[in-house]
N, C-alpha and C. Protein backbone atom coordinates (compact mmCIF):
# COMPACT_ATOMS: atom_id res chain seq x y z
N MET A 1 4.60 9.12 -8.84
CA MET A 1 4.07 8.82 -7.53
C MET A 1 4.55 7.43 -7.12
N SER A 2 5.13 7.33 -5.94
CA SER A 2 5.69 6.05 -5.52
C SER A 2 4.60 5.11 -5.02
N VAL A 3 4.89 3.84 -5.14
CA VAL A 3 3.96 2.81 -4.67
C VAL A 3 4.45 2.37 -3.30
N GLU A 4 4.14 3.20 -2.28
CA GLU A 4 4.58 2.93 -0.92
C GLU A 4 3.56 3.48 0.06
N CYS A 5 3.27 2.69 1.09
CA CYS A 5 2.36 3.15 2.14
C CYS A 5 3.10 4.18 2.99
N GLU A 6 2.45 5.32 3.24
CA GLU A 6 3.09 6.39 3.99
C GLU A 6 3.07 6.15 5.49
N VAL A 7 2.36 5.11 5.97
CA VAL A 7 2.30 4.83 7.39
C VAL A 7 3.28 3.71 7.75
N CYS A 8 3.17 2.56 7.10
CA CYS A 8 3.99 1.40 7.47
C CYS A 8 5.18 1.19 6.53
N GLY A 9 5.19 1.85 5.38
CA GLY A 9 6.31 1.71 4.46
C GLY A 9 6.26 0.49 3.58
N LYS A 10 5.09 -0.11 3.45
CA LYS A 10 4.94 -1.29 2.60
C LYS A 10 5.15 -0.92 1.14
N ILE A 11 5.99 -1.68 0.43
CA ILE A 11 6.32 -1.39 -0.97
C ILE A 11 5.98 -2.59 -1.83
N SER A 12 6.06 -2.40 -3.15
CA SER A 12 5.78 -3.51 -4.06
C SER A 12 6.95 -4.50 -4.01
N LYS A 13 6.63 -5.77 -4.27
CA LYS A 13 7.67 -6.79 -4.23
C LYS A 13 7.63 -7.62 -5.50
N LYS A 14 8.71 -8.32 -5.75
CA LYS A 14 8.85 -9.11 -6.95
C LYS A 14 8.37 -10.53 -6.68
N ALA A 15 7.58 -11.08 -7.60
CA ALA A 15 7.07 -12.44 -7.48
C ALA A 15 7.21 -13.11 -8.83
N SER A 16 7.03 -14.42 -8.85
CA SER A 16 7.14 -15.13 -10.12
C SER A 16 6.10 -16.23 -10.19
N LYS A 17 5.53 -16.37 -11.37
CA LYS A 17 4.61 -17.46 -11.65
C LYS A 17 5.44 -18.61 -12.20
N LEU A 18 5.12 -19.80 -11.81
CA LEU A 18 5.87 -20.98 -12.24
C LEU A 18 4.96 -21.85 -13.08
N SER A 19 5.31 -22.02 -14.35
CA SER A 19 4.48 -22.81 -15.25
C SER A 19 4.80 -24.30 -15.07
N PHE A 20 4.06 -25.11 -15.78
CA PHE A 20 4.27 -26.56 -15.71
C PHE A 20 5.65 -26.95 -16.22
N SER A 21 6.17 -26.19 -17.18
CA SER A 21 7.50 -26.46 -17.72
C SER A 21 8.60 -25.76 -16.92
N HIS A 22 8.24 -25.21 -15.76
CA HIS A 22 9.16 -24.54 -14.82
C HIS A 22 9.79 -23.27 -15.41
N LYS A 23 9.04 -22.56 -16.24
CA LYS A 23 9.48 -21.24 -16.69
C LYS A 23 8.97 -20.22 -15.68
N HIS A 24 9.82 -19.32 -15.27
CA HIS A 24 9.44 -18.30 -14.32
C HIS A 24 9.03 -17.03 -15.07
N HIS A 25 7.83 -16.55 -14.77
CA HIS A 25 7.34 -15.29 -15.33
C HIS A 25 7.29 -14.30 -14.18
N ILE A 26 8.20 -13.33 -14.21
CA ILE A 26 8.36 -12.40 -13.10
C ILE A 26 7.41 -11.22 -13.27
N TYR A 27 6.75 -10.83 -12.18
CA TYR A 27 5.84 -9.70 -12.16
C TYR A 27 5.92 -9.03 -10.80
N LYS A 28 5.28 -7.86 -10.66
CA LYS A 28 5.29 -7.11 -9.40
C LYS A 28 3.95 -7.25 -8.69
N GLN A 29 4.02 -7.41 -7.37
CA GLN A 29 2.83 -7.41 -6.53
C GLN A 29 2.81 -6.08 -5.78
N ALA A 30 1.87 -5.23 -6.11
CA ALA A 30 1.78 -3.91 -5.48
C ALA A 30 0.82 -3.97 -4.29
N PRO A 31 1.09 -3.20 -3.24
CA PRO A 31 0.15 -3.14 -2.11
C PRO A 31 -1.13 -2.41 -2.51
N ASN A 32 -2.20 -2.71 -1.81
CA ASN A 32 -3.49 -2.09 -2.08
C ASN A 32 -3.54 -0.72 -1.41
N LEU A 33 -3.14 0.31 -2.15
CA LEU A 33 -3.08 1.67 -1.60
C LEU A 33 -4.35 2.43 -1.92
N GLN A 34 -4.81 3.17 -0.93
CA GLN A 34 -5.99 4.02 -1.08
C GLN A 34 -5.60 5.44 -0.69
N SER A 35 -6.14 6.41 -1.39
CA SER A 35 -5.91 7.81 -1.06
C SER A 35 -6.99 8.26 -0.09
N VAL A 36 -6.59 8.64 1.11
CA VAL A 36 -7.54 9.04 2.15
C VAL A 36 -7.13 10.40 2.72
N LYS A 37 -8.13 11.12 3.22
CA LYS A 37 -7.86 12.34 3.97
C LYS A 37 -7.68 11.94 5.43
N ALA A 38 -6.53 12.29 5.99
CA ALA A 38 -6.22 11.91 7.36
C ALA A 38 -5.79 13.13 8.15
N VAL A 39 -5.96 13.04 9.47
CA VAL A 39 -5.54 14.11 10.36
C VAL A 39 -4.10 13.83 10.77
N ILE A 40 -3.17 14.73 10.37
CA ILE A 40 -1.77 14.58 10.70
C ILE A 40 -1.30 15.86 11.37
N ASN A 41 -0.90 15.76 12.63
CA ASN A 41 -0.44 16.90 13.43
C ASN A 41 -1.48 18.02 13.48
N GLY A 42 -2.74 17.66 13.58
CA GLY A 42 -3.81 18.64 13.69
C GLY A 42 -4.31 19.21 12.39
N SER A 43 -3.68 18.90 11.27
CA SER A 43 -4.14 19.40 9.97
C SER A 43 -4.57 18.22 9.10
N VAL A 44 -5.44 18.51 8.15
CA VAL A 44 -5.97 17.48 7.26
C VAL A 44 -5.11 17.42 6.01
N LYS A 45 -4.59 16.22 5.71
CA LYS A 45 -3.79 16.01 4.51
C LYS A 45 -4.25 14.75 3.80
N ARG A 46 -4.03 14.70 2.49
CA ARG A 46 -4.36 13.52 1.71
C ARG A 46 -3.10 12.67 1.59
N ILE A 47 -3.19 11.41 2.05
CA ILE A 47 -2.05 10.50 2.00
C ILE A 47 -2.46 9.19 1.37
N ARG A 48 -1.48 8.43 0.91
CA ARG A 48 -1.73 7.11 0.33
C ARG A 48 -1.37 6.06 1.36
N VAL A 49 -2.38 5.26 1.76
CA VAL A 49 -2.23 4.31 2.84
C VAL A 49 -2.74 2.95 2.38
N CYS A 50 -2.09 1.87 2.82
CA CYS A 50 -2.55 0.54 2.46
C CYS A 50 -3.78 0.19 3.29
N THR A 51 -4.58 -0.73 2.78
CA THR A 51 -5.84 -1.07 3.43
C THR A 51 -5.63 -1.78 4.76
N SER A 52 -4.51 -2.46 4.95
CA SER A 52 -4.27 -3.11 6.23
C SER A 52 -4.04 -2.08 7.34
N CYS A 53 -3.45 -0.93 7.01
CA CYS A 53 -3.29 0.14 8.00
C CYS A 53 -4.63 0.80 8.32
N ILE A 54 -5.50 0.93 7.32
CA ILE A 54 -6.82 1.52 7.54
C ILE A 54 -7.65 0.60 8.44
N LYS A 55 -7.61 -0.71 8.17
CA LYS A 55 -8.36 -1.67 8.99
C LYS A 55 -7.84 -1.72 10.42
N ALA A 56 -6.51 -1.61 10.60
CA ALA A 56 -5.92 -1.70 11.93
C ALA A 56 -6.13 -0.44 12.75
N GLY A 57 -6.60 0.64 12.12
CA GLY A 57 -6.87 1.88 12.84
C GLY A 57 -5.62 2.73 13.03
N LYS A 58 -4.62 2.54 12.22
CA LYS A 58 -3.39 3.32 12.32
C LYS A 58 -3.55 4.72 11.73
N VAL A 59 -4.66 4.94 11.01
CA VAL A 59 -4.92 6.22 10.37
C VAL A 59 -6.22 6.80 10.93
N GLN A 60 -6.17 8.06 11.37
CA GLN A 60 -7.37 8.72 11.83
C GLN A 60 -7.93 9.51 10.67
N LYS A 61 -9.06 9.04 10.11
CA LYS A 61 -9.66 9.70 8.96
C LYS A 61 -10.27 11.04 9.37
N ALA A 62 -10.19 11.99 8.43
CA ALA A 62 -10.81 13.30 8.65
C ALA A 62 -12.29 13.20 8.31
N VAL A 63 -13.10 13.89 9.08
CA VAL A 63 -14.54 13.85 8.88
C VAL A 63 -15.03 14.96 8.01
């Protein structure tokens, strides 16, 4: 299962922690994806959407 928002296309990105001795520790920052039931083209489907899209109202949740 991919780590990508199905509405806006937000994906995980690479980041690095920088220690006092300037060693870079590379890790991934994943988006906060939630599985929601949404109305898509009149039918109800389960999609993975980031929380910023849910807050912005880009997804119409199924009741």
